Amino acid sequence: RTYYADSVKGRFTISRDNAKNTGYLQMNSLKFDDTAVYYC
């Protein structure tokens, strides 16, 4: 299951690789308003 904020839907993709103990956030079509500190 995945869920996205409306502001990023269609542009961002969340995924994970449990074998690598790593989560990912692929961010495409970035906008100026995406500027921020990002936390997992």
All heavy atoms as atom14 arrays in JSON, in Angstrom:
{
  "sequence": "RTYYADSVKGRFTISRDNAKNTGYLQMNSLKFDDTAVYYC",
  "atom14_mask": [
    [1, 1, 1, 1, 1, 1, 1, 1, 1, 1, 1, 0, 0, 0],
    [1, 1, 1, 1, 1, 1, 1, 0, 0, 0, 0, 0, 0, 0],
    [1, 1, 1, 1, 1, 1, 1, 1, 1, 1, 1, 1, 0, 0],
    [1, 1, 1, 1, 1, 1, 1, 1, 1, 1, 1, 1, 0, 0],
    [1, 1, 1, 1, 1, 0, 0, 0, 0, 0, 0, 0, 0, 0],
    [1, 1, 1, 1, 1, 1, 1, 1, 0, 0, 0, 0, 0, 0],
    [1, 1, 1, 1, 1, 1, 0, 0, 0, 0, 0, 0, 0, 0],
    [1, 1, 1, 1, 1, 1, 1, 0, 0, 0, 0, 0, 0, 0],
    [1, 1, 1, 1, 1, 1, 1, 1, 1, 0, 0, 0, 0, 0],
    [1, 1, 1, 1, 0, 0, 0, 0, 0, 0, 0, 0, 0, 0],
    [1, 1, 1, 1, 1, 1, 1, 1, 1, 1, 1, 0, 0, 0],
    [1, 1, 1, 1, 1, 1, 1, 1, 1, 1, 1, 0, 0, 0],
    [1, 1, 1, 1, 1, 1, 1, 0, 0, 0, 0, 0, 0, 0],
    [1, 1, 1, 1, 1, 1, 1, 1, 0, 0, 0, 0, 0, 0],
    [1, 1, 1, 1, 1, 1, 0, 0, 0, 0, 0, 0, 0, 0],
    [1, 1, 1, 1, 1, 1, 1, 1, 1, 1, 1, 0, 0, 0],
    [1, 1, 1, 1, 1, 1, 1, 1, 0, 0, 0, 0, 0, 0],
    [1, 1, 1, 1, 1, 1, 1, 1, 0, 0, 0, 0, 0, 0],
    [1, 1, 1, 1, 1, 0, 0, 0, 0, 0, 0, 0, 0, 0],
    [1, 1, 1, 1, 1, 1, 1, 1, 1, 0, 0, 0, 0, 0],
    [1, 1, 1, 1, 1, 1, 1, 1, 0, 0, 0, 0, 0, 0],
    [1, 1, 1, 1, 1, 1, 1, 0, 0, 0, 0, 0, 0, 0],
    [1, 1, 1, 1, 0, 0, 0, 0, 0, 0, 0, 0, 0, 0],
    [1, 1, 1, 1, 1, 1, 1, 1, 1, 1, 1, 1, 0, 0],
    [1, 1, 1, 1, 1, 1, 1, 1, 0, 0, 0, 0, 0, 0],
    [1, 1, 1, 1, 1, 1, 1, 1, 1, 0, 0, 0, 0, 0],
    [1, 1, 1, 1, 1, 1, 1, 1, 0, 0, 0, 0, 0, 0],
    [1, 1, 1, 1, 1, 1, 1, 1, 0, 0, 0, 0, 0, 0],
    [1, 1, 1, 1, 1, 1, 0, 0, 0, 0, 0, 0, 0, 0],
    [1, 1, 1, 1, 1, 1, 1, 1, 0, 0, 0, 0, 0, 0],
    [1, 1, 1, 1, 1, 1, 1, 1, 1, 0, 0, 0, 0, 0],
    [1, 1, 1, 1, 1, 1, 1, 1, 1, 1, 1, 0, 0, 0],
    [1, 1, 1, 1, 1, 1, 1, 1, 0, 0, 0, 0, 0, 0],
    [1, 1, 1, 1, 1, 1, 1, 1, 0, 0, 0, 0, 0, 0],
    [1, 1, 1, 1, 1, 1, 1, 0, 0, 0, 0, 0, 0, 0],
    [1, 1, 1, 1, 1, 0, 0, 0, 0, 0, 0, 0, 0, 0],
    [1, 1, 1, 1, 1, 1, 1, 0, 0, 0, 0, 0, 0, 0],
    [1, 1, 1, 1, 1, 1, 1, 1, 1, 1, 1, 1, 0, 0],
    [1, 1, 1, 1, 1, 1, 1, 1, 1, 1, 1, 1, 0, 0],
    [1, 1, 1, 1, 1, 1, 0, 0, 0, 0, 0, 0, 0, 0]
  ],
  "atom14_positions": [
    [[0.84, -1.19, 0.0], [0.0, 0.0, 0.0], [0.87, 1.24, 0.0], [1.89, 1.3, 0.69], [-0.93, 0.03, 1.21], [-2.01, -1.03, 1.21], [-3.1, -0.68, 2.2], [-2.62, -0.7, 3.58], [-3.32, -0.24, 4.62], [-4.52, 0.29, 4.44], [-2.81, -0.31, 5.84], [0.0, 0.0, 0.0], [0.0, 0.0, 0.0], [0.0, 0.0, 0.0]],
    [[0.47, 2.23, -0.78], [1.13, 3.53, -0.8], [0.08, 4.63, -0.77], [-1.07, 4.43, -1.17], [2.02, 3.7, -2.05], [1.22, 3.56, -3.23], [3.15, 2.69, -2.06], [0.0, 0.0, 0.0], [0.0, 0.0, 0.0], [0.0, 0.0, 0.0], [0.0, 0.0, 0.0], [0.0, 0.0, 0.0], [0.0, 0.0, 0.0], [0.0, 0.0, 0.0]],
    [[0.5, 5.78, -0.31], [-0.38, 6.92, -0.2], [0.44, 8.18, -0.39], [1.56, 8.28, 0.15], [-1.08, 6.91, 1.16], [-2.03, 8.06, 1.4], [-3.16, 8.23, 0.62], [-1.79, 8.97, 2.43], [-4.03, 9.28, 0.84], [-2.66, 10.02, 2.66], [-3.78, 10.16, 1.86], [-4.65, 11.2, 2.09], [0.0, 0.0, 0.0], [0.0, 0.0, 0.0]],
    [[-0.1, 9.14, -1.15], [0.62, 10.35, -1.48], [-0.19, 11.59, -1.17], [-1.42, 11.6, -1.3], [0.98, 10.39, -2.97], [1.88, 9.28, -3.43], [1.35, 8.09, -3.91], [3.26, 9.42, -3.38], [2.17, 7.07, -4.33], [4.09, 8.4, -3.8], [3.55, 7.23, -4.28], [4.37, 6.22, -4.69], [0.0, 0.0, 0.0], [0.0, 0.0, 0.0]],
    [[0.51, 12.64, -0.78], [-0.14, 13.94, -0.68], [-0.55, 14.41, -2.07], [0.12, 14.11, -3.07], [0.81, 14.96, -0.05], [0.0, 0.0, 0.0], [0.0, 0.0, 0.0], [0.0, 0.0, 0.0], [0.0, 0.0, 0.0], [0.0, 0.0, 0.0], [0.0, 0.0, 0.0], [0.0, 0.0, 0.0], [0.0, 0.0, 0.0], [0.0, 0.0, 0.0]],
    [[-1.66, 15.13, -2.15], [-2.13, 15.61, -3.45], [-1.09, 16.45, -4.18], [-1.02, 16.43, -5.41], [-3.42, 16.41, -3.27], [-4.61, 15.55, -2.91], [-4.56, 14.33, -3.13], [-5.6, 16.11, -2.39], [0.0, 0.0, 0.0], [0.0, 0.0, 0.0], [0.0, 0.0, 0.0], [0.0, 0.0, 0.0], [0.0, 0.0, 0.0], [0.0, 0.0, 0.0]],
    [[-0.28, 17.18, -3.44], [0.68, 18.07, -4.04], [1.79, 17.35, -4.8], [2.45, 17.96, -5.64], [1.3, 18.98, -2.97], [1.95, 18.21, -1.97], [0.0, 0.0, 0.0], [0.0, 0.0, 0.0], [0.0, 0.0, 0.0], [0.0, 0.0, 0.0], [0.0, 0.0, 0.0], [0.0, 0.0, 0.0], [0.0, 0.0, 0.0], [0.0, 0.0, 0.0]],
    [[2.02, 16.08, -4.5], [3.09, 15.33, -5.14], [2.59, 14.16, -5.96], [3.39, 13.5, -6.65], [4.13, 14.83, -4.12], [4.64, 15.99, -3.26], [3.54, 13.73, -3.24], [0.0, 0.0, 0.0], [0.0, 0.0, 0.0], [0.0, 0.0, 0.0], [0.0, 0.0, 0.0], [0.0, 0.0, 0.0], [0.0, 0.0, 0.0], [0.0, 0.0, 0.0]],
    [[1.31, 13.88, -5.92], [0.74, 12.73, -6.61], [1.02, 12.83, -8.11], [0.8, 13.87, -8.73], [-0.76, 12.65, -6.33], [-1.4, 11.33, -6.69], [-2.85, 11.3, -6.21], [-2.93, 11.46, -4.7], [-4.34, 11.42, -4.2], [0.0, 0.0, 0.0], [0.0, 0.0, 0.0], [0.0, 0.0, 0.0], [0.0, 0.0, 0.0], [0.0, 0.0, 0.0]],
    [[1.5, 11.74, -8.68], [1.84, 11.71, -10.09], [3.25, 12.14, -10.4], [3.72, 11.92, -11.52], [0.0, 0.0, 0.0], [0.0, 0.0, 0.0], [0.0, 0.0, 0.0], [0.0, 0.0, 0.0], [0.0, 0.0, 0.0], [0.0, 0.0, 0.0], [0.0, 0.0, 0.0], [0.0, 0.0, 0.0], [0.0, 0.0, 0.0], [0.0, 0.0, 0.0]],
    [[3.93, 12.76, -9.45], [5.3, 13.2, -9.64], [6.3, 12.42, -8.79], [7.43, 12.19, -9.22], [5.43, 14.69, -9.31], [4.56, 15.59, -10.17], [4.88, 17.06, -9.93], [4.6, 17.46, -8.56], [5.52, 17.95, -7.72], [6.78, 18.1, -8.12], [5.18, 18.3, -6.48], [0.0, 0.0, 0.0], [0.0, 0.0, 0.0], [0.0, 0.0, 0.0]],
    [[5.9, 12.04, -7.59], [6.77, 11.33, -6.66], [6.36, 9.87, -6.58], [5.17, 9.53, -6.69], [6.69, 11.93, -5.26], [7.29, 13.29, -5.1], [7.67, 14.06, -6.19], [7.47, 13.83, -3.84], [8.22, 15.33, -6.04], [8.02, 15.08, -3.66], [8.39, 15.84, -4.77], [0.0, 0.0, 0.0], [0.0, 0.0, 0.0], [0.0, 0.0, 0.0]],
    [[7.33, 9.0, -6.37], [7.08, 7.57, -6.18], [7.85, 7.08, -4.97], [9.07, 7.23, -4.91], [7.49, 6.76, -7.42], [6.79, 7.24, -8.57], [7.15, 5.29, -7.21], [0.0, 0.0, 0.0], [0.0, 0.0, 0.0], [0.0, 0.0, 0.0], [0.0, 0.0, 0.0], [0.0, 0.0, 0.0], [0.0, 0.0, 0.0], [0.0, 0.0, 0.0]],
    [[7.14, 6.47, -4.04], [7.78, 5.9, -2.86], [7.98, 4.4, -3.08], [7.14, 3.74, -3.68], [6.94, 6.18, -1.59], [7.72, 5.79, -0.33], [5.59, 5.49, -1.64], [7.06, 6.27, 0.96], [0.0, 0.0, 0.0], [0.0, 0.0, 0.0], [0.0, 0.0, 0.0], [0.0, 0.0, 0.0], [0.0, 0.0, 0.0], [0.0, 0.0, 0.0]],
    [[9.09, 3.89, -2.59], [9.38, 2.47, -2.71], [10.28, 2.04, -1.57], [10.76, 2.87, -0.79], [10.02, 2.15, -4.07], [11.26, 2.81, -4.21], [0.0, 0.0, 0.0], [0.0, 0.0, 0.0], [0.0, 0.0, 0.0], [0.0, 0.0, 0.0], [0.0, 0.0, 0.0], [0.0, 0.0, 0.0], [0.0, 0.0, 0.0], [0.0, 0.0, 0.0]],
    [[10.52, 0.74, -1.49], [11.43, 0.24, -0.46], [12.06, -1.06, -0.9], [11.5, -1.8, -1.71], [10.68, 0.06, 0.87], [9.61, -1.02, 0.85], [8.76, -0.97, 2.12], [9.57, -1.21, 3.31], [9.18, -0.9, 4.55], [8.0, -0.33, 4.75], [9.98, -1.16, 5.59], [0.0, 0.0, 0.0], [0.0, 0.0, 0.0], [0.0, 0.0, 0.0]],
    [[13.22, -1.34, -0.36], [13.93, -2.59, -0.6], [14.31, -3.12, 0.77], [15.32, -2.71, 1.35], [15.15, -2.36, -1.48], [15.82, -3.66, -1.88], [15.61, -4.7, -1.23], [16.58, -3.65, -2.87], [0.0, 0.0, 0.0], [0.0, 0.0, 0.0], [0.0, 0.0, 0.0], [0.0, 0.0, 0.0], [0.0, 0.0, 0.0], [0.0, 0.0, 0.0]],
    [[13.5, -4.02, 1.29], [13.72, -4.52, 2.64], [15.02, -5.31, 2.76], [15.63, -5.35, 3.82], [12.54, -5.36, 3.1], [11.32, -4.52, 3.41], [11.43, -3.3, 3.61], [10.16, -5.15, 3.45], [0.0, 0.0, 0.0], [0.0, 0.0, 0.0], [0.0, 0.0, 0.0], [0.0, 0.0, 0.0], [0.0, 0.0, 0.0], [0.0, 0.0, 0.0]],
    [[15.44, -5.96, 1.68], [16.7, -6.69, 1.7], [17.89, -5.76, 1.91], [18.92, -6.19, 2.44], [16.88, -7.48, 0.41], [0.0, 0.0, 0.0], [0.0, 0.0, 0.0], [0.0, 0.0, 0.0], [0.0, 0.0, 0.0], [0.0, 0.0, 0.0], [0.0, 0.0, 0.0], [0.0, 0.0, 0.0], [0.0, 0.0, 0.0], [0.0, 0.0, 0.0]],
    [[17.75, -4.52, 1.5], [18.8, -3.52, 1.69], [18.53, -2.58, 2.86], [19.31, -1.66, 3.1], [18.97, -2.69, 0.42], [19.44, -3.49, -0.78], [19.62, -2.59, -1.99], [20.13, -3.37, -3.19], [20.3, -2.5, -4.39], [0.0, 0.0, 0.0], [0.0, 0.0, 0.0], [0.0, 0.0, 0.0], [0.0, 0.0, 0.0], [0.0, 0.0, 0.0]],
    [[17.43, -2.81, 3.57], [17.04, -1.95, 4.69], [16.99, -0.48, 4.28], [17.46, 0.4, 5.0], [18.0, -2.14, 5.87], [17.88, -3.49, 6.53], [16.78, -4.04, 6.64], [18.99, -4.04, 6.96], [0.0, 0.0, 0.0], [0.0, 0.0, 0.0], [0.0, 0.0, 0.0], [0.0, 0.0, 0.0], [0.0, 0.0, 0.0], [0.0, 0.0, 0.0]],
    [[16.41, -0.23, 3.12], [16.42, 1.11, 2.56], [15.07, 1.46, 1.96], [14.46, 0.64, 1.27], [17.51, 1.24, 1.49], [18.79, 0.91, 2.05], [17.58, 2.67, 0.97], [0.0, 0.0, 0.0], [0.0, 0.0, 0.0], [0.0, 0.0, 0.0], [0.0, 0.0, 0.0], [0.0, 0.0, 0.0], [0.0, 0.0, 0.0], [0.0, 0.0, 0.0]],
    [[14.61, 2.67, 2.22], [13.46, 3.24, 1.57], [13.88, 4.31, 0.59], [14.98, 4.88, 0.7], [0.0, 0.0, 0.0], [0.0, 0.0, 0.0], [0.0, 0.0, 0.0], [0.0, 0.0, 0.0], [0.0, 0.0, 0.0], [0.0, 0.0, 0.0], [0.0, 0.0, 0.0], [0.0, 0.0, 0.0], [0.0, 0.0, 0.0], [0.0, 0.0, 0.0]],
    [[13.01, 4.6, -0.38], [13.35, 5.54, -1.44], [12.17, 6.47, -1.7], [11.01, 6.12, -1.52], [13.69, 4.82, -2.74], [14.81, 3.82, -2.61], [14.53, 2.47, -2.43], [16.13, 4.22, -2.69], [15.55, 1.54, -2.32], [17.16, 3.3, -2.58], [16.87, 1.96, -2.39], [17.89, 1.05, -2.28], [0.0, 0.0, 0.0], [0.0, 0.0, 0.0]],
    [[12.51, 7.66, -2.17], [11.53, 8.59, -2.69], [12.06, 9.15, -3.99], [13.01, 9.94, -3.99], [11.24, 9.72, -1.69], [10.14, 10.7, -2.12], [8.78, 10.01, -2.1], [10.13, 11.93, -1.23], [0.0, 0.0, 0.0], [0.0, 0.0, 0.0], [0.0, 0.0, 0.0], [0.0, 0.0, 0.0], [0.0, 0.0, 0.0], [0.0, 0.0, 0.0]],
    [[11.47, 8.71, -5.1], [11.83, 9.22, -6.41], [11.0, 10.46, -6.68], [9.77, 10.4, -6.66], [11.57, 8.17, -7.49], [11.87, 8.63, -8.9], [13.34, 8.88, -9.14], [14.17, 8.06, -8.76], [13.67, 10.0, -9.77], [0.0, 0.0, 0.0], [0.0, 0.0, 0.0], [0.0, 0.0, 0.0], [0.0, 0.0, 0.0], [0.0, 0.0, 0.0]],
    [[11.65, 11.58, -6.95], [10.98, 12.85, -7.15], [11.26, 13.33, -8.57], [12.4, 13.61, -8.93], [11.46, 13.89, -6.14], [11.32, 13.44, -4.69], [11.75, 14.74, -3.51], [13.49, 14.94, -3.9], [0.0, 0.0, 0.0], [0.0, 0.0, 0.0], [0.0, 0.0, 0.0], [0.0, 0.0, 0.0], [0.0, 0.0, 0.0], [0.0, 0.0, 0.0]],
    [[10.21, 13.41, -9.36], [10.3, 13.88, -10.74], [9.53, 15.17, -10.91], [8.69, 15.52, -10.09], [9.75, 12.82, -11.7], [10.51, 11.52, -11.66], [11.71, 11.5, -11.43], [9.8, 10.42, -11.9], [0.0, 0.0, 0.0], [0.0, 0.0, 0.0], [0.0, 0.0, 0.0], [0.0, 0.0, 0.0], [0.0, 0.0, 0.0], [0.0, 0.0, 0.0]],
    [[9.81, 15.87, -12.0], [9.12, 17.12, -12.32], [9.11, 18.07, -11.13], [8.08, 18.63, -10.76], [7.69, 16.83, -12.8], [7.69, 16.0, -13.93], [0.0, 0.0, 0.0], [0.0, 0.0, 0.0], [0.0, 0.0, 0.0], [0.0, 0.0, 0.0], [0.0, 0.0, 0.0], [0.0, 0.0, 0.0], [0.0, 0.0, 0.0], [0.0, 0.0, 0.0]],
    [[10.26, 18.24, -10.54], [10.36, 19.04, -9.32], [10.01, 20.5, -9.58], [10.34, 21.06, -10.64], [11.75, 18.93, -8.73], [12.01, 17.62, -7.98], [13.5, 17.38, -7.8], [11.31, 17.66, -6.62], [0.0, 0.0, 0.0], [0.0, 0.0, 0.0], [0.0, 0.0, 0.0], [0.0, 0.0, 0.0], [0.0, 0.0, 0.0], [0.0, 0.0, 0.0]],
    [[9.36, 21.09, -8.61], [8.95, 22.48, -8.64], [9.67, 23.26, -7.56], [10.17, 22.69, -6.59], [7.43, 22.6, -8.41], [6.58, 21.77, -9.35], [5.12, 21.84, -8.93], [4.24, 21.0, -9.83], [2.82, 21.04, -9.39], [0.0, 0.0, 0.0], [0.0, 0.0, 0.0], [0.0, 0.0, 0.0], [0.0, 0.0, 0.0], [0.0, 0.0, 0.0]],
    [[9.7, 24.58, -7.72], [10.32, 25.42, -6.72], [9.69, 25.2, -5.34], [10.39, 25.21, -4.32], [10.22, 26.89, -7.11], [10.78, 27.83, -6.08], [12.14, 28.0, -5.95], [9.92, 28.55, -5.25], [12.66, 28.87, -5.0], [10.44, 29.42, -4.3], [11.81, 29.58, -4.18], [0.0, 0.0, 0.0], [0.0, 0.0, 0.0], [0.0, 0.0, 0.0]],
    [[8.38, 24.99, -5.31], [7.68, 24.81, -4.05], [7.99, 23.48, -3.37], [7.57, 23.26, -2.24], [6.16, 24.92, -4.26], [5.71, 26.34, -4.54], [6.5, 27.27, -4.3], [4.57, 26.52, -5.0], [0.0, 0.0, 0.0], [0.0, 0.0, 0.0], [0.0, 0.0, 0.0], [0.0, 0.0, 0.0], [0.0, 0.0, 0.0], [0.0, 0.0, 0.0]],
    [[8.71, 22.59, -4.04], [9.16, 21.36, -3.41], [10.38, 21.58, -2.52], [10.8, 20.66, -1.81], [9.49, 20.3, -4.46], [8.28, 19.83, -5.23], [7.21, 19.66, -4.62], [8.4, 19.63, -6.45], [0.0, 0.0, 0.0], [0.0, 0.0, 0.0], [0.0, 0.0, 0.0], [0.0, 0.0, 0.0], [0.0, 0.0, 0.0], [0.0, 0.0, 0.0]],
    [[10.96, 22.76, -2.57], [12.13, 23.07, -1.76], [11.8, 22.92, -0.28], [10.87, 23.55, 0.22], [12.63, 24.48, -2.06], [13.07, 24.57, -3.42], [13.79, 24.86, -1.14], [0.0, 0.0, 0.0], [0.0, 0.0, 0.0], [0.0, 0.0, 0.0], [0.0, 0.0, 0.0], [0.0, 0.0, 0.0], [0.0, 0.0, 0.0], [0.0, 0.0, 0.0]],
    [[12.57, 22.1, 0.41], [12.32, 21.82, 1.82], [13.39, 20.88, 2.33], [14.17, 20.32, 1.57], [10.94, 21.2, 2.03], [0.0, 0.0, 0.0], [0.0, 0.0, 0.0], [0.0, 0.0, 0.0], [0.0, 0.0, 0.0], [0.0, 0.0, 0.0], [0.0, 0.0, 0.0], [0.0, 0.0, 0.0], [0.0, 0.0, 0.0], [0.0, 0.0, 0.0]],
    [[13.41, 20.7, 3.65], [14.16, 19.6, 4.25], [13.24, 18.39, 4.26], [12.12, 18.46, 4.76], [14.62, 19.94, 5.67], [15.33, 18.75, 6.3], [15.56, 21.14, 5.65], [0.0, 0.0, 0.0], [0.0, 0.0, 0.0], [0.0, 0.0, 0.0], [0.0, 0.0, 0.0], [0.0, 0.0, 0.0], [0.0, 0.0, 0.0], [0.0, 0.0, 0.0]],
    [[13.72, 17.29, 3.71], [12.94, 16.07, 3.62], [13.4, 15.07, 4.67], [14.6, 14.82, 4.83], [13.07, 15.45, 2.23], [12.24, 16.16, 1.19], [12.59, 17.43, 0.75], [11.09, 15.57, 0.67], [11.82, 18.1, -0.18], [10.32, 16.23, -0.27], [10.68, 17.49, -0.69], [9.92, 18.15, -1.62], [0.0, 0.0, 0.0], [0.0, 0.0, 0.0]],
    [[12.43, 14.51, 5.38], [12.69, 13.56, 6.45], [12.02, 12.23, 6.14], [10.89, 12.2, 5.66], [12.13, 14.06, 7.78], [12.69, 15.38, 8.27], [12.1, 16.58, 7.9], [13.79, 15.4, 9.1], [12.61, 17.79, 8.35], [14.31, 16.6, 9.56], [13.71, 17.79, 9.19], [14.21, 18.98, 9.65], [0.0, 0.0, 0.0], [0.0, 0.0, 0.0]],
    [[12.7, 11.14, 6.43], [12.03, 9.86, 6.45], [11.75, 9.47, 7.89], [12.44, 9.91, 8.81], [12.84, 8.76, 5.74], [14.39, 8.28, 6.54], [0.0, 0.0, 0.0], [0.0, 0.0, 0.0], [0.0, 0.0, 0.0], [0.0, 0.0, 0.0], [0.0, 0.0, 0.0], [0.0, 0.0, 0.0], [0.0, 0.0, 0.0], [0.0, 0.0, 0.0]]
  ]
}
